[in-house]
Amino acid sequence: MSNAKWSKLLKAIAESDIKYIASEVLAKDLVCDTLWHILLADYLGNGKYTADGIAGAIRTKNIEYVIIPFESINELSRMKDLIEKIGKFEYDIDNEKLIIKIFGYR
């Protein structure tokens, strides 16, 4: 997915009042198999992400997918509605684990 498309999505999520478990958001980049903890609120808006101290900034165009966990099915549904409203994105929802996985590349 392009930086611009990620930017549009991440900005909308950051500006929404949807409640998700911010400390458990994960991203996988295309280069390695490691899942990095990232903070959606720390999105820099210039095609980068802040991650943990080891990974440093992750370019959004290199993100394979992002996993966002929720505490309630209602908030998960609200996120699905937001994603649908913004544009065409590939994602999977796990209603049992209360997670949404948004793909940059599948």
PDB file of N, CA and C in Angstrom:
ATOM      1  N   MET A   1       0.855  -1.170   0.000  1.00  0.00           N
ATOM      2  CA  MET A   1       0.000   0.000   0.000  1.00  0.00           C
ATOM      3  C   MET A   1       0.902   1.235   0.000  1.00  0.00           C
ATOM      4  N   SER A   2       0.469   2.252  -0.665  1.00  0.00           N
ATOM      5  CA  SER A   2       1.266   3.476  -0.754  1.00  0.00           C
ATOM      6  C   SER A   2       1.269   4.243   0.571  1.00  0.00           C
ATOM      7  N   ASN A   3       2.272   5.103   0.719  1.00  0.00           N
ATOM      8  CA  ASN A   3       2.335   5.965   1.899  1.00  0.00           C
ATOM      9  C   ASN A   3       1.080   6.821   2.015  1.00  0.00           C
ATOM     10  N   ALA A   4       0.596   7.347   0.883  1.00  0.00           N
ATOM     11  CA  ALA A   4      -0.580   8.229   0.897  1.00  0.00           C
ATOM     12  C   ALA A   4      -1.823   7.501   1.401  1.00  0.00           C
ATOM     13  N   LYS A   5      -1.988   6.256   0.978  1.00  0.00           N
ATOM     14  CA  LYS A   5      -3.169   5.494   1.402  1.00  0.00           C
ATOM     15  C   LYS A   5      -3.090   5.150   2.893  1.00  0.00           C
ATOM     16  N   TRP A   6      -1.901   4.723   3.343  1.00  0.00           N
ATOM     17  CA  TRP A   6      -1.718   4.474   4.775  1.00  0.00           C
ATOM     18  C   TRP A   6      -1.967   5.752   5.566  1.00  0.00           C
ATOM     19  N   SER A   7      -1.429   6.860   5.062  1.00  0.00           N
ATOM     20  CA  SER A   7      -1.570   8.143   5.747  1.00  0.00           C
ATOM     21  C   SER A   7      -3.034   8.506   5.931  1.00  0.00           C
ATOM     22  N   LYS A   8      -3.823   8.344   4.881  1.00  0.00           N
ATOM     23  CA  LYS A   8      -5.257   8.647   4.936  1.00  0.00           C
ATOM     24  C   LYS A   8      -5.943   7.794   6.001  1.00  0.00           C
ATOM     25  N   LEU A   9      -5.643   6.510   6.009  1.00  0.00           N
ATOM     26  CA  LEU A   9      -6.258   5.589   6.965  1.00  0.00           C
ATOM     27  C   LEU A   9      -5.808   5.881   8.394  1.00  0.00           C
ATOM     28  N   LEU A  10      -4.510   6.010   8.600  1.00  0.00           N
ATOM     29  CA  LEU A  10      -3.982   6.193   9.951  1.00  0.00           C
ATOM     30  C   LEU A  10      -4.386   7.529  10.551  1.00  0.00           C
ATOM     31  N   LYS A  11      -4.459   8.552   9.722  1.00  0.00           N
ATOM     32  CA  LYS A  11      -4.914   9.855  10.210  1.00  0.00           C
ATOM     33  C   LYS A  11      -6.369   9.763  10.664  1.00  0.00           C
ATOM     34  N   ALA A  12      -7.204   9.086   9.886  1.00  0.00           N
ATOM     35  CA  ALA A  12      -8.617   8.932  10.252  1.00  0.00           C
ATOM     36  C   ALA A  12      -8.765   8.152  11.557  1.00  0.00           C
ATOM     37  N   ILE A  13      -7.967   7.102  11.722  1.00  0.00           N
ATOM     38  CA  ILE A  13      -8.017   6.318  12.964  1.00  0.00           C
ATOM     39  C   ILE A  13      -7.575   7.177  14.143  1.00  0.00           C
ATOM     40  N   ALA A  14      -6.474   7.901  13.977  1.00  0.00           N
ATOM     41  CA  ALA A  14      -5.946   8.740  15.064  1.00  0.00           C
ATOM     42  C   ALA A  14      -6.925   9.835  15.466  1.00  0.00           C
ATOM     43  N   GLU A  15      -7.668  10.366  14.504  1.00  0.00           N
ATOM     44  CA  GLU A  15      -8.606  11.454  14.788  1.00  0.00           C
ATOM     45  C   GLU A  15      -9.975  10.961  15.252  1.00  0.00           C
ATOM     46  N   SER A  16     -10.204   9.661  15.166  1.00  0.00           N
ATOM     47  CA  SER A  16     -11.497   9.114  15.591  1.00  0.00           C
ATOM     48  C   SER A  16     -11.516   8.925  17.110  1.00  0.00           C
ATOM     49  N   ASP A  17     -12.700   8.657  17.634  1.00  0.00           N
ATOM     50  CA  ASP A  17     -12.817   8.369  19.065  1.00  0.00           C
ATOM     51  C   ASP A  17     -12.988   6.871  19.317  1.00  0.00           C
ATOM     52  N   ILE A  18     -12.612   6.066  18.338  1.00  0.00           N
ATOM     53  CA  ILE A  18     -12.706   4.613  18.471  1.00  0.00           C
ATOM     54  C   ILE A  18     -11.667   4.140  19.485  1.00  0.00           C
ATOM     55  N   LYS A  19     -12.120   3.320  20.418  1.00  0.00           N
ATOM     56  CA  LYS A  19     -11.241   2.828  21.479  1.00  0.00           C
ATOM     57  C   LYS A  19     -10.667   1.465  21.085  1.00  0.00           C
ATOM     58  N   TYR A  20      -9.354   1.403  21.046  1.00  0.00           N
ATOM     59  CA  TYR A  20      -8.635   0.164  20.775  1.00  0.00           C
ATOM     60  C   TYR A  20      -7.513   0.054  21.807  1.00  0.00           C
ATOM     61  N   ILE A  21      -6.883  -1.109  21.885  1.00  0.00           N
ATOM     62  CA  ILE A  21      -5.823  -1.320  22.869  1.00  0.00           C
ATOM     63  C   ILE A  21      -4.515  -0.809  22.265  1.00  0.00           C
ATOM     64  N   ALA A  22      -4.232   0.459  22.501  1.00  0.00           N
ATOM     65  CA  ALA A  22      -3.113   1.153  21.847  1.00  0.00           C
ATOM     66  C   ALA A  22      -1.760   0.502  22.120  1.00  0.00           C
ATOM     67  N   SER A  23      -1.580  -0.040  23.309  1.00  0.00           N
ATOM     68  CA  SER A  23      -0.279  -0.614  23.673  1.00  0.00           C
ATOM     69  C   SER A  23      -0.019  -1.967  23.011  1.00  0.00           C
ATOM     70  N   GLU A  24      -1.032  -2.525  22.337  1.00  0.00           N
ATOM     71  CA  GLU A  24      -0.877  -3.844  21.732  1.00  0.00           C
ATOM     72  C   GLU A  24      -1.012  -3.835  20.211  1.00  0.00           C
ATOM     73  N   VAL A  25      -0.963  -2.652  19.591  1.00  0.00           N
ATOM     74  CA  VAL A  25      -1.023  -2.569  18.133  1.00  0.00           C
ATOM     75  C   VAL A  25       0.308  -3.072  17.573  1.00  0.00           C
ATOM     76  N   LEU A  26       0.228  -3.956  16.578  1.00  0.00           N
ATOM     77  CA  LEU A  26       1.420  -4.564  15.996  1.00  0.00           C
ATOM     78  C   LEU A  26       1.494  -4.282  14.500  1.00  0.00           C
ATOM     79  N   ALA A  27       2.712  -4.214  13.983  1.00  0.00           N
ATOM     80  CA  ALA A  27       2.921  -4.076  12.540  1.00  0.00           C
ATOM     81  C   ALA A  27       4.002  -5.057  12.114  1.00  0.00           C
ATOM     82  N   LYS A  28       3.803  -5.633  10.945  1.00  0.00           N
ATOM     83  CA  LYS A  28       4.819  -6.495  10.343  1.00  0.00           C
ATOM     84  C   LYS A  28       5.293  -5.826   9.071  1.00  0.00           C
ATOM     85  N   ASP A  29       6.606  -5.688   8.946  1.00  0.00           N
ATOM     86  CA  ASP A  29       7.124  -5.104   7.711  1.00  0.00           C
ATOM     87  C   ASP A  29       7.483  -6.214   6.722  1.00  0.00           C
ATOM     88  N   LEU A  30       7.767  -5.815   5.503  1.00  0.00           N
ATOM     89  CA  LEU A  30       8.049  -6.775   4.435  1.00  0.00           C
ATOM     90  C   LEU A  30       9.416  -7.430   4.565  1.00  0.00           C
ATOM     91  N   VAL A  31      10.321  -6.811   5.308  1.00  0.00           N
ATOM     92  CA  VAL A  31      11.707  -7.255   5.361  1.00  0.00           C
ATOM     93  C   VAL A  31      11.931  -8.425   6.313  1.00  0.00           C
ATOM     94  N   CYS A  32      11.289  -8.407   7.474  1.00  0.00           N
ATOM     95  CA  CYS A  32      11.532  -9.469   8.448  1.00  0.00           C
ATOM     96  C   CYS A  32      10.218 -10.012   8.999  1.00  0.00           C
ATOM     97  N   ASP A  33      10.327 -11.097   9.744  1.00  0.00           N
ATOM     98  CA  ASP A  33       9.142 -11.753  10.293  1.00  0.00           C
ATOM     99  C   ASP A  33       8.743 -11.231  11.663  1.00  0.00           C
ATOM    100  N   THR A  34       9.443 -10.240  12.150  1.00  0.00           N
ATOM    101  CA  THR A  34       9.170  -9.695  13.477  1.00  0.00           C
ATOM    102  C   THR A  34       7.920  -8.826  13.463  1.00  0.00           C
ATOM    103  N   LEU A  35       7.109  -8.958  14.510  1.00  0.00           N
ATOM    104  CA  LEU A  35       5.975  -8.055  14.714  1.00  0.00           C
ATOM    105  C   LEU A  35       6.440  -6.957  15.657  1.00  0.00           C
ATOM    106  N   TRP A  36       6.309  -5.708  15.224  1.00  0.00           N
ATOM    107  CA  TRP A  36       6.756  -4.563  16.010  1.00  0.00           C
ATOM    108  C   TRP A  36       5.580  -3.889  16.686  1.00  0.00           C
ATOM    109  N   HIS A  37       5.747  -3.528  17.954  1.00  0.00           N
ATOM    110  CA  HIS A  37       4.746  -2.719  18.650  1.00  0.00           C
ATOM    111  C   HIS A  37       4.851  -1.300  18.116  1.00  0.00           C
ATOM    112  N   ILE A  38       3.729  -0.752  17.695  1.00  0.00           N
ATOM    113  CA  ILE A  38       3.714   0.620  17.195  1.00  0.00           C
ATOM    114  C   ILE A  38       2.596   1.394  17.876  1.00  0.00           C
ATOM    115  N   LEU A  39       2.714   2.691  17.870  1.00  0.00           N
ATOM    116  CA  LEU A  39       1.683   3.559  18.431  1.00  0.00           C
ATOM    117  C   LEU A  39       1.046   4.346  17.298  1.00  0.00           C
ATOM    118  N   LEU A  40      -0.231   4.115  17.058  1.00  0.00           N
ATOM    119  CA  LEU A  40      -0.919   4.819  15.977  1.00  0.00           C
ATOM    120  C   LEU A  40      -0.912   6.320  16.204  1.00  0.00           C
ATOM    121  N   ALA A  41      -0.940   6.740  17.450  1.00  0.00           N
ATOM    122  CA  ALA A  41      -0.931   8.173  17.764  1.00  0.00           C
ATOM    123  C   ALA A  41       0.403   8.820  17.413  1.00  0.00           C
ATOM    124  N   ASP A  42       1.455   8.024  17.271  1.00  0.00           N
ATOM    125  CA  ASP A  42       2.778   8.551  16.939  1.00  0.00           C
ATOM    126  C   ASP A  42       3.051   8.575  15.445  1.00  0.00           C
ATOM    127  N   TYR A  43       2.035   8.323  14.642  1.00  0.00           N
ATOM    128  CA  TYR A  43       2.221   8.362  13.193  1.00  0.00           C
ATOM    129  C   TYR A  43       2.725   9.747  12.814  1.00  0.00           C
ATOM    130  N   LEU A  44       3.788   9.804  12.034  1.00  0.00           N
ATOM    131  CA  LEU A  44       4.437  11.075  11.733  1.00  0.00           C
ATOM    132  C   LEU A  44       3.832  11.810  10.540  1.00  0.00           C
ATOM    133  N   GLY A  45       3.017  11.135   9.742  1.00  0.00           N
ATOM    134  CA  GLY A  45       2.353  11.797   8.636  1.00  0.00           C
ATOM    135  C   GLY A  45       3.208  11.994   7.400  1.00  0.00           C
ATOM    136  N   ASN A  46       4.449  11.555   7.446  1.00  0.00           N
ATOM    137  CA  ASN A  46       5.324  11.732   6.291  1.00  0.00           C
ATOM    138  C   ASN A  46       5.778  10.391   5.727  1.00  0.00           C
ATOM    139  N   GLY A  47       4.946   9.384   5.898  1.00  0.00           N
ATOM    140  CA  GLY A  47       5.292   8.066   5.381  1.00  0.00           C
ATOM    141  C   GLY A  47       6.102   7.233   6.339  1.00  0.00           C
ATOM    142  N   LYS A  48       6.189   7.660   7.608  1.00  0.00           N
ATOM    143  CA  LYS A  48       6.928   6.901   8.608  1.00  0.00           C
ATOM    144  C   LYS A  48       6.040   6.624   9.808  1.00  0.00           C
ATOM    145  N   TYR A  49       6.496   5.694  10.593  1.00  0.00           N
ATOM    146  CA  TYR A  49       5.842   5.287  11.824  1.00  0.00           C
ATOM    147  C   TYR A  49       6.883   5.254  12.905  1.00  0.00           C
ATOM    148  N   THR A  50       6.537   5.606  14.089  1.00  0.00           N
ATOM    149  CA  THR A  50       7.465   5.303  15.172  1.00  0.00           C
ATOM    150  C   THR A  50       7.111   3.926  15.688  1.00  0.00           C
ATOM    151  N   ALA A  51       8.114   3.179  16.029  1.00  0.00           N
ATOM    152  CA  ALA A  51       7.919   1.834  16.565  1.00  0.00           C
ATOM    153  C   ALA A  51       8.709   1.757  17.863  1.00  0.00           C
ATOM    154  N   ASP A  52       9.125   0.555  18.230  1.00  0.00           N
ATOM    155  CA  ASP A  52       9.901   0.466  19.462  1.00  0.00           C
ATOM    156  C   ASP A  52      11.323   0.968  19.219  1.00  0.00           C
ATOM    157  N   GLY A  53      12.103   1.066  20.266  1.00  0.00           N
ATOM    158  CA  GLY A  53      13.444   1.619  20.158  1.00  0.00           C
ATOM    159  C   GLY A  53      14.388   0.817  19.284  1.00  0.00           C
ATOM    160  N   ILE A  54      14.122  -0.451  19.110  1.00  0.00           N
ATOM    161  CA  ILE A  54      14.979  -1.299  18.284  1.00  0.00           C
ATOM    162  C   ILE A  54      14.696  -1.065  16.805  1.00  0.00           C
ATOM    163  N   ALA A  55      13.429  -1.012  16.453  1.00  0.00           N
ATOM    164  CA  ALA A  55      13.060  -0.902  15.040  1.00  0.00           C
ATOM    165  C   ALA A  55      13.225   0.511  14.509  1.00  0.00           C
ATOM    166  N   GLY A  56      13.004   1.490  15.344  1.00  0.00           N
ATOM    167  CA  GLY A  56      13.026   2.864  14.863  1.00  0.00           C
ATOM    168  C   GLY A  56      11.811   3.121  13.991  1.00  0.00           C
ATOM    169  N   ALA A  57      11.942   4.080  13.085  1.00  0.00           N
ATOM    170  CA  ALA A  57      10.817   4.415  12.211  1.00  0.00           C
ATOM    171  C   ALA A  57      10.646   3.343  11.139  1.00  0.00           C
ATOM    172  N   ILE A  58       9.400   2.961  10.891  1.00  0.00           N
ATOM    173  CA  ILE A  58       9.082   1.993   9.848  1.00  0.00           C
ATOM    174  C   ILE A  58       8.342   2.740   8.747  1.00  0.00           C
ATOM    175  N   ARG A  59       8.835   2.669   7.523  1.00  0.00           N
ATOM    176  CA  ARG A  59       8.145   3.309   6.399  1.00  0.00           C
ATOM    177  C   ARG A  59       6.821   2.602   6.162  1.00  0.00           C
ATOM    178  N   THR A  60       5.767   3.379   6.048  1.00  0.00           N
ATOM    179  CA  THR A  60       4.446   2.778   5.879  1.00  0.00           C
ATOM    180  C   THR A  60       4.353   1.961   4.605  1.00  0.00           C
ATOM    181  N   LYS A  61       5.019   2.377   3.546  1.00  0.00           N
ATOM    182  CA  LYS A  61       4.932   1.618   2.298  1.00  0.00           C
ATOM    183  C   LYS A  61       5.561   0.235   2.438  1.00  0.00           C
ATOM    184  N   ASN A  62       6.336   0.013   3.505  1.00  0.00           N
ATOM    185  CA  ASN A  62       6.955  -1.287   3.753  1.00  0.00           C
ATOM    186  C   ASN A  62       6.187  -2.132   4.762  1.00  0.00           C
ATOM    187  N   ILE A  63       5.035  -1.660   5.205  1.00  0.00           N
ATOM    188  CA  ILE A  63       4.241  -2.427   6.166  1.00  0.00           C
ATOM    189  C   ILE A  63       3.415  -3.470   5.418  1.00  0.00           C
ATOM    190  N   GLU A  64       3.588  -4.719   5.815  1.00  0.00           N
ATOM    191  CA  GLU A  64       2.803  -5.806   5.228  1.00  0.00           C
ATOM    192  C   GLU A  64       1.388  -5.796   5.804  1.00  0.00           C
ATOM    193  N   TYR A  65       1.306  -5.655   7.143  1.00  0.00           N
ATOM    194  CA  TYR A  65      -0.006  -5.539   7.784  1.00  0.00           C
ATOM    195  C   TYR A  65       0.126  -4.929   9.169  1.00  0.00           C
ATOM    196  N   VAL A  66      -1.016  -4.437   9.669  1.00  0.00           N
ATOM    197  CA  VAL A  66      -1.132  -3.885  11.018  1.00  0.00           C
ATOM    198  C   VAL A  66      -2.250  -4.639  11.720  1.00  0.00           C
ATOM    199  N   ILE A  67      -2.017  -5.021  12.974  1.00  0.00           N
ATOM    200  CA  ILE A  67      -3.030  -5.700  13.785  1.00  0.00           C
ATOM    201  C   ILE A  67      -3.456  -4.751  14.899  1.00  0.00           C
ATOM    202  N   ILE A  68      -4.763  -4.487  14.962  1.00  0.00           N
ATOM    203  CA  ILE A  68      -5.300  -3.598  15.993  1.00  0.00           C
ATOM    204  C   ILE A  68      -6.271  -4.397  16.859  1.00  0.00           C
ATOM    205  N   PRO A  69      -5.991  -4.519  18.170  1.00  0.00           N
ATOM    206  CA  PRO A  69      -6.881  -5.240  19.082  1.00  0.00           C
ATOM    207  C   PRO A  69      -7.884  -4.294  19.768  1.00  0.00           C
ATOM    208  N   PHE A  70      -9.020  -4.852  20.126  1.00  0.00           N
ATOM    209  CA  PHE A  70     -10.092  -4.092  20.764  1.00  0.00           C
ATOM    210  C   PHE A  70     -10.568  -4.808  22.016  1.00  0.00           C
ATOM    211  N   GLU A  71     -11.197  -4.038  22.905  1.00  0.00           N
ATOM    212  CA  GLU A  71     -11.771  -4.629  24.112  1.00  0.00           C
ATOM    213  C   GLU A  71     -13.226  -5.015  23.913  1.00  0.00           C
ATOM    214  N   SER A  72     -13.884  -4.443  22.888  1.00  0.00           N
ATOM    215  CA  SER A  72     -15.297  -4.761  22.678  1.00  0.00           C
ATOM    216  C   SER A  72     -15.602  -4.940  21.198  1.00  0.00           C
ATOM    217  N   ILE A  73     -16.597  -5.753  20.922  1.00  0.00           N
ATOM    218  CA  ILE A  73     -17.042  -5.989  19.550  1.00  0.00           C
ATOM    219  C   ILE A  73     -17.628  -4.714  18.954  1.00  0.00           C
ATOM    220  N   ASN A  74     -18.213  -3.870  19.794  1.00  0.00           N
ATOM    221  CA  ASN A  74     -18.782  -2.612  19.320  1.00  0.00           C
ATOM    222  C   ASN A  74     -17.698  -1.707  18.731  1.00  0.00           C
ATOM    223  N   GLU A  75     -16.577  -1.580  19.421  1.00  0.00           N
ATOM    224  CA  GLU A  75     -15.479  -0.742  18.924  1.00  0.00           C
ATOM    225  C   GLU A  75     -14.857  -1.347  17.665  1.00  0.00           C
ATOM    226  N   LEU A  76     -14.757  -2.664  17.620  1.00  0.00           N
ATOM    227  CA  LEU A  76     -14.260  -3.343  16.424  1.00  0.00           C
ATOM    228  C   LEU A  76     -15.171  -3.048  15.233  1.00  0.00           C
ATOM    229  N   SER A  77     -16.470  -3.099  15.449  1.00  0.00           N
ATOM    230  CA  SER A  77     -17.444  -2.796  14.392  1.00  0.00           C
ATOM    231  C   SER A  77     -17.343  -1.345  13.942  1.00  0.00           C
ATOM    232  N   ARG A  78     -17.121  -0.451  14.888  1.00  0.00           N
ATOM    233  CA  ARG A  78     -16.953   0.965  14.539  1.00  0.00           C
ATOM    234  C   ARG A  78     -15.714   1.168  13.668  1.00  0.00           C
ATOM    235  N   MET A  79     -14.637   0.432  13.978  1.00  0.00           N
ATOM    236  CA  MET A  79     -13.422   0.533  13.164  1.00  0.00           C
ATOM    237  C   MET A  79     -13.687   0.014  11.754  1.00  0.00           C
ATOM    238  N   LYS A  80     -14.395  -1.088  11.649  1.00  0.00           N
ATOM    239  CA  LYS A  80     -14.749  -1.634  10.333  1.00  0.00           C
ATOM    240  C   LYS A  80     -15.525  -0.597   9.533  1.00  0.00           C
ATOM    241  N   ASP A  81     -16.498   0.038  10.160  1.00  0.00           N
ATOM    242  CA  ASP A  81     -17.296   1.072   9.489  1.00  0.00           C
ATOM    243  C   ASP A  81     -16.424   2.242   9.036  1.00  0.00           C
ATOM    244  N   LEU A  82     -15.483   2.646   9.877  1.00  0.00           N
ATOM    245  CA  LEU A  82     -14.583   3.746   9.521  1.00  0.00           C
ATOM    246  C   LEU A  82     -13.728   3.378   8.304  1.00  0.00           C
ATOM    247  N   ILE A  83     -13.172   2.182   8.318  1.00  0.00           N
ATOM    248  CA  ILE A  83     -12.337   1.730   7.205  1.00  0.00           C
ATOM    249  C   ILE A  83     -13.140   1.699   5.911  1.00  0.00           C
ATOM    250  N   GLU A  84     -14.361   1.186   5.982  1.00  0.00           N
ATOM    251  CA  GLU A  84     -15.226   1.119   4.796  1.00  0.00           C
ATOM    252  C   GLU A  84     -15.545   2.517   4.269  1.00  0.00           C
ATOM    253  N   LYS A  85     -15.703   3.455   5.165  1.00  0.00           N
ATOM    254  CA  LYS A  85     -16.043   4.830   4.792  1.00  0.00           C
ATOM    255  C   LYS A  85     -14.872   5.536   4.099  1.00  0.00           C
ATOM    256  N   ILE A  86     -13.656   5.240   4.528  1.00  0.00           N
ATOM    257  CA  ILE A  86     -12.467   5.922   4.018  1.00  0.00           C
ATOM    258  C   ILE A  86     -12.109   5.496   2.597  1.00  0.00           C
ATOM    259  N   GLY A  87     -12.237   4.210   2.300  1.00  0.00           N
ATOM    260  CA  GLY A  87     -11.846   3.733   0.972  1.00  0.00           C
ATOM    261  C   GLY A  87     -11.790   2.223   0.921  1.00  0.00           C
ATOM    262  N   LYS A  88     -11.103   1.727  -0.092  1.00  0.00           N
ATOM    263  CA  LYS A  88     -10.982   0.281  -0.277  1.00  0.00           C
ATOM    264  C   LYS A  88      -9.676  -0.198   0.341  1.00  0.00           C
ATOM    265  N   PHE A  89      -9.823  -0.973   1.391  1.00  0.00           N
ATOM    266  CA  PHE A  89      -8.684  -1.545   2.089  1.00  0.00           C
ATOM    267  C   PHE A  89      -8.944  -3.025   2.283  1.00  0.00           C
ATOM    268  N   GLU A  90      -7.880  -3.813   2.230  1.00  0.00           N
ATOM    269  CA  GLU A  90      -8.011  -5.235   2.526  1.00  0.00           C
ATOM    270  C   GLU A  90      -7.803  -5.434   4.018  1.00  0.00           C
ATOM    271  N   TYR A  91      -8.714  -6.174   4.631  1.00  0.00           N
ATOM    272  CA  TYR A  91      -8.585  -6.443   6.058  1.00  0.00           C
ATOM    273  C   TYR A  91      -9.325  -7.720   6.411  1.00  0.00           C
ATOM    274  N   ASP A  92      -8.923  -8.313   7.514  1.00  0.00           N
ATOM    275  CA  ASP A  92      -9.599  -9.473   8.094  1.00  0.00           C
ATOM    276  C   ASP A  92     -10.021  -9.097   9.499  1.00  0.00           C
ATOM    277  N   ILE A  93     -11.159  -9.640   9.913  1.00  0.00           N
ATOM    278  CA  ILE A  93     -11.656  -9.419  11.268  1.00  0.00           C
ATOM    279  C   ILE A  93     -11.765 -10.764  11.970  1.00  0.00           C
ATOM    280  N   ASP A  94     -11.277 -10.814  13.202  1.00  0.00           N
ATOM    281  CA  ASP A  94     -11.439 -11.985  14.051  1.00  0.00           C
ATOM    282  C   ASP A  94     -12.321 -11.559  15.221  1.00  0.00           C
ATOM    283  N   ASN A  95     -13.599 -11.933  15.161  1.00  0.00           N
ATOM    284  CA  ASN A  95     -14.559 -11.539  16.194  1.00  0.00           C
ATOM    285  C   ASN A  95     -14.294 -12.216  17.534  1.00  0.00           C
ATOM    286  N   GLU A  96     -13.653 -13.382  17.523  1.00  0.00           N
ATOM    287  CA  GLU A  96     -13.342 -14.067  18.778  1.00  0.00           C
ATOM    288  C   GLU A  96     -12.188 -13.391  19.510  1.00  0.00           C
ATOM    289  N   LYS A  97     -11.131 -13.063  18.770  1.00  0.00           N
ATOM    290  CA  LYS A  97      -9.959 -12.422  19.372  1.00  0.00           C
ATOM    291  C   LYS A  97     -10.105 -10.910  19.446  1.00  0.00           C
ATOM    292  N   LEU A  98     -11.162 -10.375  18.824  1.00  0.00           N
ATOM    293  CA  LEU A  98     -11.423  -8.934  18.778  1.00  0.00           C
ATOM    294  C   LEU A  98     -10.246  -8.168  18.169  1.00  0.00           C
ATOM    295  N   ILE A  99      -9.824  -8.617  16.985  1.00  0.00           N
ATOM    296  CA  ILE A  99      -8.757  -7.921  16.275  1.00  0.00           C
ATOM    297  C   ILE A  99      -9.162  -7.653  14.831  1.00  0.00           C
ATOM    298  N   ILE A 100      -8.568  -6.619  14.282  1.00  0.00           N
ATOM    299  CA  ILE A 100      -8.681  -6.344  12.859  1.00  0.00           C
ATOM    300  C   ILE A 100      -7.257  -6.297  12.318  1.00  0.00           C
ATOM    301  N   LYS A 101      -7.053  -6.956  11.195  1.00  0.00           N
ATOM    302  CA  LYS A 101      -5.741  -7.014  10.553  1.00  0.00           C
ATOM    303  C   LYS A 101      -5.877  -6.301   9.212  1.00  0.00           C
ATOM    304  N   ILE A 102      -5.195  -5.176   9.066  1.00  0.00           N
ATOM    305  CA  ILE A 102      -5.278  -4.359   7.857  1.00  0.00           C
ATOM    306  C   ILE A 102      -4.018  -4.610   7.032  1.00  0.00           C
ATOM    307  N   PHE A 103      -4.217  -4.989   5.789  1.00  0.00           N
ATOM    308  CA  PHE A 103      -3.107  -5.372   4.927  1.00  0.00           C
ATOM    309  C   PHE A 103      -2.638  -4.232   4.040  1.00  0.00           C
ATOM    310  N   GLY A 104      -1.323  -4.097   3.961  1.00  0.00           N
ATOM    311  CA  GLY A 104      -0.712  -3.232   2.966  1.00  0.00           C
ATOM    312  C   GLY A 104      -0.398  -4.055   1.730  1.00  0.00           C
ATOM    313  N   TYR A 105      -0.014  -5.305   1.982  1.00  0.00           N
ATOM    314  CA  TYR A 105       0.281  -6.274   0.921  1.00  0.00           C
ATOM    315  C   TYR A 105      -0.254  -7.614   1.380  1.00  0.00           C
ATOM    316  N   ARG A 106      -0.816  -8.347   0.457  1.00  0.00           N
ATOM    317  CA  ARG A 106      -1.335  -9.659   0.814  1.00  0.00           C
ATOM    318  C   ARG A 106      -0.659 -10.725   0.011  1.00  0.00           C
TER     319      ARG A 106
END
